[in-house]
Amino acid sequence: MKSFNQQVYDIVERIPAGYVLTYGDIAKILGRPRMARFVGFAMSAVCETDNRPWHRVTFADGRLWDGQWEKVQHDMLASEGVGFTADGRIDVEKYRWHPESMAAPMNLRDMPLKF
């Protein structure tokens, strides 16, 4: 069985260029809608040498990561055609990726958590 973090990364790897998901979106896809913070913990473990498109995960209000990675994330998203509001946020509704279904399959929802 895959760990929670690996399940998060599997979803992040599927987000196409020019789209974003929020931490809460990923938690919902996993069938764990109250675990957005844990998605954030999983994403904070991704390092700069990782090939996963970490930059496509944002806060629900369109804010980017704080700190040293904010400009990098902004530039990477802008290069993919993602637009920003005057205050530097993403219009999440406009750029949100809508996979086939935001609901997890029942077998995934019933899986025990493994961290």
PDB file of N, CA and C in Angstrom:
ATOM      1  N   MET A   1       0.841  -1.182   0.000  1.00  0.00           N
ATOM      2  CA  MET A   1       0.000   0.000   0.000  1.00  0.00           C
ATOM      3  C   MET A   1       0.889   1.250   0.000  1.00  0.00           C
ATOM      4  N   LYS A   2       0.485   2.251  -0.741  1.00  0.00           N
ATOM      5  CA  LYS A   2       1.247   3.492  -0.825  1.00  0.00           C
ATOM      6  C   LYS A   2       1.003   4.350   0.412  1.00  0.00           C
ATOM      7  N   SER A   3       2.018   5.082   0.799  1.00  0.00           N
ATOM      8  CA  SER A   3       1.877   6.019   1.911  1.00  0.00           C
ATOM      9  C   SER A   3       0.993   7.189   1.489  1.00  0.00           C
ATOM     10  N   PHE A   4       0.518   7.928   2.461  1.00  0.00           N
ATOM     11  CA  PHE A   4      -0.293   9.114   2.177  1.00  0.00           C
ATOM     12  C   PHE A   4       0.483  10.072   1.283  1.00  0.00           C
ATOM     13  N   ASN A   5       1.748  10.308   1.623  1.00  0.00           N
ATOM     14  CA  ASN A   5       2.555  11.229   0.819  1.00  0.00           C
ATOM     15  C   ASN A   5       2.654  10.753  -0.625  1.00  0.00           C
ATOM     16  N   GLN A   6       2.876   9.464  -0.831  1.00  0.00           N
ATOM     17  CA  GLN A   6       2.991   8.951  -2.193  1.00  0.00           C
ATOM     18  C   GLN A   6       1.669   9.100  -2.940  1.00  0.00           C
ATOM     19  N   GLN A   7       0.556   8.921  -2.242  1.00  0.00           N
ATOM     20  CA  GLN A   7      -0.754   9.127  -2.870  1.00  0.00           C
ATOM     21  C   GLN A   7      -0.906  10.584  -3.308  1.00  0.00           C
ATOM     22  N   VAL A   8      -0.442  11.521  -2.466  1.00  0.00           N
ATOM     23  CA  VAL A   8      -0.470  12.941  -2.819  1.00  0.00           C
ATOM     24  C   VAL A   8       0.381  13.176  -4.062  1.00  0.00           C
ATOM     25  N   TYR A   9       1.595  12.647  -4.068  1.00  0.00           N
ATOM     26  CA  TYR A   9       2.510  12.860  -5.193  1.00  0.00           C
ATOM     27  C   TYR A   9       1.961  12.260  -6.486  1.00  0.00           C
ATOM     28  N   ASP A  10       1.268  11.133  -6.382  1.00  0.00           N
ATOM     29  CA  ASP A  10       0.672  10.526  -7.579  1.00  0.00           C
ATOM     30  C   ASP A  10      -0.330  11.478  -8.234  1.00  0.00           C
ATOM     31  N   ILE A  11      -1.088  12.206  -7.417  1.00  0.00           N
ATOM     32  CA  ILE A  11      -2.055  13.173  -7.956  1.00  0.00           C
ATOM     33  C   ILE A  11      -1.318  14.385  -8.522  1.00  0.00           C
ATOM     34  N   VAL A  12      -0.359  14.904  -7.783  1.00  0.00           N
ATOM     35  CA  VAL A  12       0.385  16.091  -8.225  1.00  0.00           C
ATOM     36  C   VAL A  12       1.047  15.837  -9.575  1.00  0.00           C
ATOM     37  N   GLU A  13       1.571  14.646  -9.772  1.00  0.00           N
ATOM     38  CA  GLU A  13       2.242  14.319 -11.030  1.00  0.00           C
ATOM     39  C   GLU A  13       1.293  14.325 -12.219  1.00  0.00           C
ATOM     40  N   ARG A  14      -0.004  14.244 -11.987  1.00  0.00           N
ATOM     41  CA  ARG A  14      -0.988  14.228 -13.068  1.00  0.00           C
ATOM     42  C   ARG A  14      -1.517  15.618 -13.424  1.00  0.00           C
ATOM     43  N   ILE A  15      -1.229  16.633 -12.625  1.00  0.00           N
ATOM     44  CA  ILE A  15      -1.748  17.975 -12.906  1.00  0.00           C
ATOM     45  C   ILE A  15      -1.073  18.496 -14.171  1.00  0.00           C
ATOM     46  N   PRO A  16      -1.865  18.816 -15.210  1.00  0.00           N
ATOM     47  CA  PRO A  16      -1.247  19.279 -16.462  1.00  0.00           C
ATOM     48  C   PRO A  16      -0.711  20.711 -16.352  1.00  0.00           C
ATOM     49  N   ALA A  17       0.216  21.036 -17.210  1.00  0.00           N
ATOM     50  CA  ALA A  17       0.773  22.391 -17.277  1.00  0.00           C
ATOM     51  C   ALA A  17      -0.355  23.389 -17.521  1.00  0.00           C
ATOM     52  N   GLY A  18      -0.281  24.524 -16.833  1.00  0.00           N
ATOM     53  CA  GLY A  18      -1.279  25.574 -17.002  1.00  0.00           C
ATOM     54  C   GLY A  18      -2.468  25.437 -16.071  1.00  0.00           C
ATOM     55  N   TYR A  19      -2.439  24.451 -15.194  1.00  0.00           N
ATOM     56  CA  TYR A  19      -3.528  24.225 -14.247  1.00  0.00           C
ATOM     57  C   TYR A  19      -2.970  24.091 -12.840  1.00  0.00           C
ATOM     58  N   VAL A  20      -3.851  24.250 -11.856  1.00  0.00           N
ATOM     59  CA  VAL A  20      -3.461  24.096 -10.453  1.00  0.00           C
ATOM     60  C   VAL A  20      -4.507  23.270  -9.722  1.00  0.00           C
ATOM     61  N   LEU A  21      -4.106  22.767  -8.582  1.00  0.00           N
ATOM     62  CA  LEU A  21      -5.012  22.196  -7.599  1.00  0.00           C
ATOM     63  C   LEU A  21      -4.657  22.815  -6.265  1.00  0.00           C
ATOM     64  N   THR A  22      -5.612  22.870  -5.371  1.00  0.00           N
ATOM     65  CA  THR A  22      -5.341  23.351  -4.020  1.00  0.00           C
ATOM     66  C   THR A  22      -5.041  22.149  -3.123  1.00  0.00           C
ATOM     67  N   TYR A  23      -4.505  22.448  -1.957  1.00  0.00           N
ATOM     68  CA  TYR A  23      -4.252  21.380  -0.984  1.00  0.00           C
ATOM     69  C   TYR A  23      -5.564  20.670  -0.664  1.00  0.00           C
ATOM     70  N   GLY A  24      -6.634  21.442  -0.523  1.00  0.00           N
ATOM     71  CA  GLY A  24      -7.940  20.865  -0.235  1.00  0.00           C
ATOM     72  C   GLY A  24      -8.470  20.013  -1.373  1.00  0.00           C
ATOM     73  N   ASP A  25      -8.225  20.430  -2.615  1.00  0.00           N
ATOM     74  CA  ASP A  25      -8.645  19.628  -3.769  1.00  0.00           C
ATOM     75  C   ASP A  25      -8.005  18.245  -3.712  1.00  0.00           C
ATOM     76  N   ILE A  26      -6.717  18.223  -3.431  1.00  0.00           N
ATOM     77  CA  ILE A  26      -5.996  16.952  -3.393  1.00  0.00           C
ATOM     78  C   ILE A  26      -6.535  16.080  -2.265  1.00  0.00           C
ATOM     79  N   ALA A  27      -6.793  16.684  -1.117  1.00  0.00           N
ATOM     80  CA  ALA A  27      -7.364  15.927   0.000  1.00  0.00           C
ATOM     81  C   ALA A  27      -8.721  15.330  -0.385  1.00  0.00           C
ATOM     82  N   LYS A  28      -9.545  16.098  -1.089  1.00  0.00           N
ATOM     83  CA  LYS A  28     -10.850  15.590  -1.527  1.00  0.00           C
ATOM     84  C   LYS A  28     -10.703  14.442  -2.509  1.00  0.00           C
ATOM     85  N   ILE A  29      -9.779  14.569  -3.453  1.00  0.00           N
ATOM     86  CA  ILE A  29      -9.541  13.504  -4.426  1.00  0.00           C
ATOM     87  C   ILE A  29      -9.154  12.213  -3.705  1.00  0.00           C
ATOM     88  N   LEU A  30      -8.375  12.346  -2.637  1.00  0.00           N
ATOM     89  CA  LEU A  30      -7.949  11.181  -1.872  1.00  0.00           C
ATOM     90  C   LEU A  30      -9.054  10.631  -0.967  1.00  0.00           C
ATOM     91  N   GLY A  31     -10.192  11.320  -0.947  1.00  0.00           N
ATOM     92  CA  GLY A  31     -11.269  10.882  -0.076  1.00  0.00           C
ATOM     93  C   GLY A  31     -11.052  11.264   1.372  1.00  0.00           C
ATOM     94  N   ARG A  32     -10.184  12.230   1.606  1.00  0.00           N
ATOM     95  CA  ARG A  32      -9.840  12.712   2.955  1.00  0.00           C
ATOM     96  C   ARG A  32     -10.014  14.230   3.005  1.00  0.00           C
ATOM     97  N   PRO A  33     -11.251  14.723   2.865  1.00  0.00           N
ATOM     98  CA  PRO A  33     -11.459  16.169   2.693  1.00  0.00           C
ATOM     99  C   PRO A  33     -10.981  17.048   3.848  1.00  0.00           C
ATOM    100  N   ARG A  34     -10.764  16.500   4.995  1.00  0.00           N
ATOM    101  CA  ARG A  34     -10.315  17.309   6.134  1.00  0.00           C
ATOM    102  C   ARG A  34      -8.801  17.248   6.344  1.00  0.00           C
ATOM    103  N   MET A  35      -8.090  16.734   5.362  1.00  0.00           N
ATOM    104  CA  MET A  35      -6.644  16.546   5.532  1.00  0.00           C
ATOM    105  C   MET A  35      -5.813  17.447   4.625  1.00  0.00           C
ATOM    106  N   ALA A  36      -6.330  18.620   4.281  1.00  0.00           N
ATOM    107  CA  ALA A  36      -5.579  19.548   3.437  1.00  0.00           C
ATOM    108  C   ALA A  36      -4.239  19.919   4.068  1.00  0.00           C
ATOM    109  N   ARG A  37      -4.220  20.074   5.368  1.00  0.00           N
ATOM    110  CA  ARG A  37      -2.969  20.435   6.056  1.00  0.00           C
ATOM    111  C   ARG A  37      -1.921  19.330   5.881  1.00  0.00           C
ATOM    112  N   PHE A  38      -2.368  18.074   5.892  1.00  0.00           N
ATOM    113  CA  PHE A  38      -1.434  16.965   5.711  1.00  0.00           C
ATOM    114  C   PHE A  38      -0.921  16.911   4.267  1.00  0.00           C
ATOM    115  N   VAL A  39      -1.751  17.329   3.323  1.00  0.00           N
ATOM    116  CA  VAL A  39      -1.282  17.462   1.940  1.00  0.00           C
ATOM    117  C   VAL A  39      -0.171  18.508   1.910  1.00  0.00           C
ATOM    118  N   GLY A  40      -0.373  19.596   2.637  1.00  0.00           N
ATOM    119  CA  GLY A  40       0.666  20.630   2.731  1.00  0.00           C
ATOM    120  C   GLY A  40       1.950  20.095   3.328  1.00  0.00           C
ATOM    121  N   PHE A  41       1.834  19.265   4.364  1.00  0.00           N
ATOM    122  CA  PHE A  41       3.032  18.651   4.955  1.00  0.00           C
ATOM    123  C   PHE A  41       3.741  17.779   3.926  1.00  0.00           C
ATOM    124  N   ALA A  42       2.972  17.015   3.159  1.00  0.00           N
ATOM    125  CA  ALA A  42       3.566  16.158   2.126  1.00  0.00           C
ATOM    126  C   ALA A  42       4.282  17.007   1.080  1.00  0.00           C
ATOM    127  N   MET A  43       3.656  18.104   0.692  1.00  0.00           N
ATOM    128  CA  MET A  43       4.261  18.964  -0.330  1.00  0.00           C
ATOM    129  C   MET A  43       5.510  19.667   0.200  1.00  0.00           C
ATOM    130  N   SER A  44       5.544  19.956   1.489  1.00  0.00           N
ATOM    131  CA  SER A  44       6.726  20.630   2.042  1.00  0.00           C
ATOM    132  C   SER A  44       7.942  19.705   2.048  1.00  0.00           C
ATOM    133  N   ALA A  45       7.716  18.405   1.894  1.00  0.00           N
ATOM    134  CA  ALA A  45       8.820  17.452   1.848  1.00  0.00           C
ATOM    135  C   ALA A  45       9.432  17.344   0.450  1.00  0.00           C
ATOM    136  N   VAL A  46       8.800  17.966  -0.540  1.00  0.00           N
ATOM    137  CA  VAL A  46       9.324  17.937  -1.905  1.00  0.00           C
ATOM    138  C   VAL A  46      10.479  18.935  -1.992  1.00  0.00           C
ATOM    139  N   CYS A  47      11.599  18.488  -2.514  1.00  0.00           N
ATOM    140  CA  CYS A  47      12.761  19.377  -2.595  1.00  0.00           C
ATOM    141  C   CYS A  47      12.900  19.972  -3.990  1.00  0.00           C
ATOM    142  N   GLU A  48      13.784  20.934  -4.112  1.00  0.00           N
ATOM    143  CA  GLU A  48      13.940  21.663  -5.373  1.00  0.00           C
ATOM    144  C   GLU A  48      14.470  20.790  -6.503  1.00  0.00           C
ATOM    145  N   THR A  49      15.098  19.671  -6.196  1.00  0.00           N
ATOM    146  CA  THR A  49      15.610  18.795  -7.240  1.00  0.00           C
ATOM    147  C   THR A  49      14.580  17.748  -7.675  1.00  0.00           C
ATOM    148  N   ASP A  50      13.429  17.769  -7.042  1.00  0.00           N
ATOM    149  CA  ASP A  50      12.366  16.816  -7.351  1.00  0.00           C
ATOM    150  C   ASP A  50      11.729  17.190  -8.690  1.00  0.00           C
ATOM    151  N   ASN A  51      11.390  16.223  -9.489  1.00  0.00           N
ATOM    152  CA  ASN A  51      10.789  16.477 -10.795  1.00  0.00           C
ATOM    153  C   ASN A  51       9.277  16.631 -10.748  1.00  0.00           C
ATOM    154  N   ARG A  52       8.697  16.478  -9.593  1.00  0.00           N
ATOM    155  CA  ARG A  52       7.241  16.626  -9.488  1.00  0.00           C
ATOM    156  C   ARG A  52       6.859  18.092  -9.696  1.00  0.00           C
ATOM    157  N   PRO A  53       5.698  18.341 -10.319  1.00  0.00           N
ATOM    158  CA  PRO A  53       5.267  19.729 -10.543  1.00  0.00           C
ATOM    159  C   PRO A  53       4.667  20.351  -9.273  1.00  0.00           C
ATOM    160  N   TRP A  54       5.466  20.471  -8.240  1.00  0.00           N
ATOM    161  CA  TRP A  54       5.037  21.007  -6.951  1.00  0.00           C
ATOM    162  C   TRP A  54       4.440  22.398  -7.078  1.00  0.00           C
ATOM    163  N   HIS A  55       4.897  23.141  -8.074  1.00  0.00           N
ATOM    164  CA  HIS A  55       4.473  24.531  -8.237  1.00  0.00           C
ATOM    165  C   HIS A  55       2.998  24.648  -8.618  1.00  0.00           C
ATOM    166  N   ARG A  56       2.357  23.565  -9.011  1.00  0.00           N
ATOM    167  CA  ARG A  56       0.956  23.586  -9.430  1.00  0.00           C
ATOM    168  C   ARG A  56      -0.012  23.369  -8.272  1.00  0.00           C
ATOM    169  N   VAL A  57       0.495  23.396  -7.044  1.00  0.00           N
ATOM    170  CA  VAL A  57      -0.350  23.239  -5.854  1.00  0.00           C
ATOM    171  C   VAL A  57      -0.348  24.563  -5.098  1.00  0.00           C
ATOM    172  N   THR A  58      -1.549  25.089  -4.839  1.00  0.00           N
ATOM    173  CA  THR A  58      -1.677  26.404  -4.200  1.00  0.00           C
ATOM    174  C   THR A  58      -2.640  26.344  -3.022  1.00  0.00           C
ATOM    175  N   PHE A  59      -2.712  27.453  -2.324  1.00  0.00           N
ATOM    176  CA  PHE A  59      -3.718  27.602  -1.277  1.00  0.00           C
ATOM    177  C   PHE A  59      -5.088  27.835  -1.929  1.00  0.00           C
ATOM    178  N   ALA A  60      -6.145  27.586  -1.188  1.00  0.00           N
ATOM    179  CA  ALA A  60      -7.513  27.701  -1.717  1.00  0.00           C
ATOM    180  C   ALA A  60      -7.827  29.107  -2.222  1.00  0.00           C
ATOM    181  N   ASP A  61      -7.208  30.117  -1.628  1.00  0.00           N
ATOM    182  CA  ASP A  61      -7.482  31.501  -2.043  1.00  0.00           C
ATOM    183  C   ASP A  61      -6.554  31.978  -3.162  1.00  0.00           C
ATOM    184  N   GLY A  62      -5.753  31.062  -3.722  1.00  0.00           N
ATOM    185  CA  GLY A  62      -4.876  31.408  -4.833  1.00  0.00           C
ATOM    186  C   GLY A  62      -3.506  31.920  -4.438  1.00  0.00           C
ATOM    187  N   ARG A  63      -3.241  31.970  -3.129  1.00  0.00           N
ATOM    188  CA  ARG A  63      -1.902  32.397  -2.699  1.00  0.00           C
ATOM    189  C   ARG A  63      -0.881  31.326  -3.036  1.00  0.00           C
ATOM    190  N   LEU A  64       0.356  31.765  -3.203  1.00  0.00           N
ATOM    191  CA  LEU A  64       1.460  30.850  -3.453  1.00  0.00           C
ATOM    192  C   LEU A  64       2.186  30.559  -2.154  1.00  0.00           C
ATOM    193  N   TRP A  65       3.155  29.658  -2.214  1.00  0.00           N
ATOM    194  CA  TRP A  65       3.964  29.359  -1.040  1.00  0.00           C
ATOM    195  C   TRP A  65       4.636  30.631  -0.565  1.00  0.00           C
ATOM    196  N   ASP A  66       4.783  30.774   0.732  1.00  0.00           N
ATOM    197  CA  ASP A  66       5.495  31.919   1.292  1.00  0.00           C
ATOM    198  C   ASP A  66       6.987  31.633   1.306  1.00  0.00           C
ATOM    199  N   GLY A  67       7.745  32.683   1.310  1.00  0.00           N
ATOM    200  CA  GLY A  67       9.178  32.520   1.494  1.00  0.00           C
ATOM    201  C   GLY A  67       9.964  32.412   0.207  1.00  0.00           C
ATOM    202  N   GLN A  68      11.062  31.671   0.286  1.00  0.00           N
ATOM    203  CA  GLN A  68      12.036  31.639  -0.795  1.00  0.00           C
ATOM    204  C   GLN A  68      11.510  31.043  -2.083  1.00  0.00           C
ATOM    205  N   TRP A  69      10.460  30.232  -2.044  1.00  0.00           N
ATOM    206  CA  TRP A  69       9.976  29.566  -3.245  1.00  0.00           C
ATOM    207  C   TRP A  69       8.847  30.306  -3.940  1.00  0.00           C
ATOM    208  N   GLU A  70       8.362  31.378  -3.343  1.00  0.00           N
ATOM    209  CA  GLU A  70       7.220  32.105  -3.918  1.00  0.00           C
ATOM    210  C   GLU A  70       7.517  32.617  -5.328  1.00  0.00           C
ATOM    211  N   LYS A  71       8.654  33.260  -5.516  1.00  0.00           N
ATOM    212  CA  LYS A  71       8.991  33.791  -6.843  1.00  0.00           C
ATOM    213  C   LYS A  71       9.216  32.656  -7.843  1.00  0.00           C
ATOM    214  N   VAL A  72       9.864  31.601  -7.406  1.00  0.00           N
ATOM    215  CA  VAL A  72      10.097  30.454  -8.296  1.00  0.00           C
ATOM    216  C   VAL A  72       8.761  29.872  -8.737  1.00  0.00           C
ATOM    217  N   GLN A  73       7.853  29.682  -7.783  1.00  0.00           N
ATOM    218  CA  GLN A  73       6.535  29.137  -8.107  1.00  0.00           C
ATOM    219  C   GLN A  73       5.795  30.080  -9.054  1.00  0.00           C
ATOM    220  N   HIS A  74       5.827  31.361  -8.772  1.00  0.00           N
ATOM    221  CA  HIS A  74       5.174  32.351  -9.625  1.00  0.00           C
ATOM    222  C   HIS A  74       5.707  32.267 -11.058  1.00  0.00           C
ATOM    223  N   ASP A  75       7.022  32.270 -11.188  1.00  0.00           N
ATOM    224  CA  ASP A  75       7.642  32.252 -12.519  1.00  0.00           C
ATOM    225  C   ASP A  75       7.325  30.968 -13.284  1.00  0.00           C
ATOM    226  N   MET A  76       7.328  29.840 -12.571  1.00  0.00           N
ATOM    227  CA  MET A  76       7.040  28.559 -13.226  1.00  0.00           C
ATOM    228  C   MET A  76       5.586  28.525 -13.710  1.00  0.00           C
ATOM    229  N   LEU A  77       4.659  29.000 -12.887  1.00  0.00           N
ATOM    230  CA  LEU A  77       3.255  29.020 -13.296  1.00  0.00           C
ATOM    231  C   LEU A  77       3.028  30.008 -14.431  1.00  0.00           C
ATOM    232  N   ALA A  78       3.641  31.178 -14.349  1.00  0.00           N
ATOM    233  CA  ALA A  78       3.500  32.178 -15.406  1.00  0.00           C
ATOM    234  C   ALA A  78       4.025  31.636 -16.738  1.00  0.00           C
ATOM    235  N   SER A  79       5.112  30.878 -16.690  1.00  0.00           N
ATOM    236  CA  SER A  79       5.672  30.315 -17.927  1.00  0.00           C
ATOM    237  C   SER A  79       4.740  29.275 -18.546  1.00  0.00           C
ATOM    238  N   GLU A  80       3.818  28.737 -17.745  1.00  0.00           N
ATOM    239  CA  GLU A  80       2.832  27.773 -18.246  1.00  0.00           C
ATOM    240  C   GLU A  80       1.533  28.456 -18.678  1.00  0.00           C
ATOM    241  N   GLY A  81       1.486  29.779 -18.558  1.00  0.00           N
ATOM    242  CA  GLY A  81       0.311  30.513 -18.989  1.00  0.00           C
ATOM    243  C   GLY A  81      -0.710  30.806 -17.910  1.00  0.00           C
ATOM    244  N   VAL A  82      -0.378  30.525 -16.663  1.00  0.00           N
ATOM    245  CA  VAL A  82      -1.285  30.825 -15.558  1.00  0.00           C
ATOM    246  C   VAL A  82      -1.215  32.318 -15.271  1.00  0.00           C
ATOM    247  N   GLY A  83      -2.372  32.963 -15.201  1.00  0.00           N
ATOM    248  CA  GLY A  83      -2.430  34.393 -14.931  1.00  0.00           C
ATOM    249  C   GLY A  83      -2.595  34.689 -13.456  1.00  0.00           C
ATOM    250  N   PHE A  84      -2.256  35.910 -13.091  1.00  0.00           N
ATOM    251  CA  PHE A  84      -2.311  36.336 -11.694  1.00  0.00           C
ATOM    252  C   PHE A  84      -3.122  37.610 -11.563  1.00  0.00           C
ATOM    253  N   THR A  85      -3.746  37.789 -10.419  1.00  0.00           N
ATOM    254  CA  THR A  85      -4.482  39.011 -10.121  1.00  0.00           C
ATOM    255  C   THR A  85      -3.479  40.092  -9.714  1.00  0.00           C
ATOM    256  N   ALA A  86      -3.967  41.300  -9.521  1.00  0.00           N
ATOM    257  CA  ALA A  86      -3.094  42.418  -9.150  1.00  0.00           C
ATOM    258  C   ALA A  86      -2.378  42.171  -7.827  1.00  0.00           C
ATOM    259  N   ASP A  87      -3.005  41.408  -6.930  1.00  0.00           N
ATOM    260  CA  ASP A  87      -2.366  41.142  -5.635  1.00  0.00           C
ATOM    261  C   ASP A  87      -1.526  39.869  -5.644  1.00  0.00           C
ATOM    262  N   GLY A  88      -1.249  39.305  -6.834  1.00  0.00           N
ATOM    263  CA  GLY A  88      -0.344  38.172  -6.960  1.00  0.00           C
ATOM    264  C   GLY A  88      -0.949  36.807  -6.733  1.00  0.00           C
ATOM    265  N   ARG A  89      -2.268  36.743  -6.696  1.00  0.00           N
ATOM    266  CA  ARG A  89      -2.929  35.453  -6.490  1.00  0.00           C
ATOM    267  C   ARG A  89      -3.377  34.867  -7.816  1.00  0.00           C
ATOM    268  N   ILE A  90      -3.633  33.574  -7.791  1.00  0.00           N
ATOM    269  CA  ILE A  90      -4.163  32.881  -8.961  1.00  0.00           C
ATOM    270  C   ILE A  90      -5.684  32.847  -8.840  1.00  0.00           C
ATOM    271  N   ASP A  91      -6.368  33.024  -9.960  1.00  0.00           N
ATOM    272  CA  ASP A  91      -7.815  32.822  -9.987  1.00  0.00           C
ATOM    273  C   ASP A  91      -8.025  31.301 -10.026  1.00  0.00           C
ATOM    274  N   VAL A  92      -8.168  30.711  -8.855  1.00  0.00           N
ATOM    275  CA  VAL A  92      -8.224  29.254  -8.737  1.00  0.00           C
ATOM    276  C   VAL A  92      -9.373  28.680  -9.560  1.00  0.00           C
ATOM    277  N   GLU A  93     -10.505  29.339  -9.576  1.00  0.00           N
ATOM    278  CA  GLU A  93     -11.643  28.806 -10.336  1.00  0.00           C
ATOM    279  C   GLU A  93     -11.340  28.750 -11.833  1.00  0.00           C
ATOM    280  N   LYS A  94     -10.573  29.688 -12.316  1.00  0.00           N
ATOM    281  CA  LYS A  94     -10.239  29.728 -13.741  1.00  0.00           C
ATOM    282  C   LYS A  94      -9.184  28.688 -14.113  1.00  0.00           C
ATOM    283  N   TYR A  95      -8.211  28.471 -13.238  1.00  0.00           N
ATOM    284  CA  TYR A  95      -7.077  27.606 -13.566  1.00  0.00           C
ATOM    285  C   TYR A  95      -7.117  26.244 -12.868  1.00  0.00           C
ATOM    286  N   ARG A  96      -8.173  25.977 -12.119  1.00  0.00           N
ATOM    287  CA  ARG A  96      -8.270  24.691 -11.417  1.00  0.00           C
ATOM    288  C   ARG A  96      -8.405  23.552 -12.421  1.00  0.00           C
ATOM    289  N   TRP A  97      -7.622  22.503 -12.184  1.00  0.00           N
ATOM    290  CA  TRP A  97      -7.717  21.297 -12.994  1.00  0.00           C
ATOM    291  C   TRP A  97      -8.895  20.476 -12.497  1.00  0.00           C
ATOM    292  N   HIS A  98      -9.695  20.003 -13.426  1.00  0.00           N
ATOM    293  CA  HIS A  98     -10.845  19.179 -13.079  1.00  0.00           C
ATOM    294  C   HIS A  98     -10.632  17.771 -13.625  1.00  0.00           C
ATOM    295  N   PRO A  99     -10.032  16.896 -12.798  1.00  0.00           N
ATOM    296  CA  PRO A  99      -9.878  15.517 -13.268  1.00  0.00           C
ATOM    297  C   PRO A  99     -11.250  14.879 -13.452  1.00  0.00           C
ATOM    298  N   GLU A 100     -11.263  13.693 -14.030  1.00  0.00           N
ATOM    299  CA  GLU A 100     -12.522  13.017 -14.342  1.00  0.00           C
ATOM    300  C   GLU A 100     -13.526  13.138 -13.202  1.00  0.00           C
ATOM    301  N   SER A 101     -13.048  12.957 -12.007  1.00  0.00           N
ATOM    302  CA  SER A 101     -13.916  13.074 -10.840  1.00  0.00           C
ATOM    303  C   SER A 101     -13.070  13.537  -9.667  1.00  0.00           C
ATOM    304  N   MET A 102     -13.596  14.468  -8.899  1.00  0.00           N
ATOM    305  CA  MET A 102     -12.873  14.924  -7.720  1.00  0.00           C
ATOM    306  C   MET A 102     -13.085  13.969  -6.550  1.00  0.00           C
ATOM    307  N   ALA A 103     -13.932  12.978  -6.713  1.00  0.00           N
ATOM    308  CA  ALA A 103     -14.184  12.021  -5.641  1.00  0.00           C
ATOM    309  C   ALA A 103     -13.274  10.810  -5.828  1.00  0.00           C
ATOM    310  N   ALA A 104     -12.738  10.336  -4.747  1.00  0.00           N
ATOM    311  CA  ALA A 104     -11.870   9.165  -4.804  1.00  0.00           C
ATOM    312  C   ALA A 104     -12.698   7.904  -4.998  1.00  0.00           C
ATOM    313  N   PRO A 105     -12.134   6.918  -5.668  1.00  0.00           N
ATOM    314  CA  PRO A 105     -12.841   5.650  -5.754  1.00  0.00           C
ATOM    315  C   PRO A 105     -13.018   5.055  -4.363  1.00  0.00           C
ATOM    316  N   MET A 106     -14.061   4.334  -4.174  1.00  0.00           N
ATOM    317  CA  MET A 106     -14.388   3.814  -2.852  1.00  0.00           C
ATOM    318  C   MET A 106     -13.245   3.007  -2.247  1.00  0.00           C
ATOM    319  N   ASN A 107     -12.557   2.194  -3.037  1.00  0.00           N
ATOM    320  CA  ASN A 107     -11.487   1.380  -2.467  1.00  0.00           C
ATOM    321  C   ASN A 107     -10.359   2.245  -1.912  1.00  0.00           C
ATOM    322  N   LEU A 108     -10.084   3.403  -2.501  1.00  0.00           N
ATOM    323  CA  LEU A 108      -9.051   4.290  -2.001  1.00  0.00           C
ATOM    324  C   LEU A 108      -9.518   4.976  -0.722  1.00  0.00           C
ATOM    325  N   ARG A 109     -10.788   5.379  -0.674  1.00  0.00           N
ATOM    326  CA  ARG A 109     -11.334   6.036   0.502  1.00  0.00           C
ATOM    327  C   ARG A 109     -11.303   5.112   1.716  1.00  0.00           C
ATOM    328  N   ASP A 110     -11.454   3.824   1.475  1.00  0.00           N
ATOM    329  CA  ASP A 110     -11.505   2.866   2.575  1.00  0.00           C
ATOM    330  C   ASP A 110     -10.125   2.390   3.042  1.00  0.00           C
ATOM    331  N   MET A 111      -9.097   2.812   2.329  1.00  0.00           N
ATOM    332  CA  MET A 111      -7.761   2.375   2.701  1.00  0.00           C
ATOM    333  C   MET A 111      -7.322   3.050   3.999  1.00  0.00           C
ATOM    334  N   PRO A 112      -6.653   2.302   4.867  1.00  0.00           N
ATOM    335  CA  PRO A 112      -6.134   2.945   6.076  1.00  0.00           C
ATOM    336  C   PRO A 112      -5.015   3.903   5.722  1.00  0.00           C
ATOM    337  N   LEU A 113      -4.844   4.904   6.552  1.00  0.00           N
ATOM    338  CA  LEU A 113      -3.761   5.865   6.325  1.00  0.00           C
ATOM    339  C   LEU A 113      -2.433   5.264   6.734  1.00  0.00           C
ATOM    340  N   LYS A 114      -1.431   5.503   5.944  1.00  0.00           N
ATOM    341  CA  LYS A 114      -0.070   5.074   6.243  1.00  0.00           C
ATOM    342  C   LYS A 114       0.836   6.266   5.973  1.00  0.00           C
ATOM    343  N   PHE A 115       1.492   6.771   6.994  1.00  0.00           N
ATOM    344  CA  PHE A 115       2.365   7.934   6.828  1.00  0.00           C
ATOM    345  C   PHE A 115       3.808   7.523   6.772  1.00  0.00           C
TER     346      PHE A 115
END
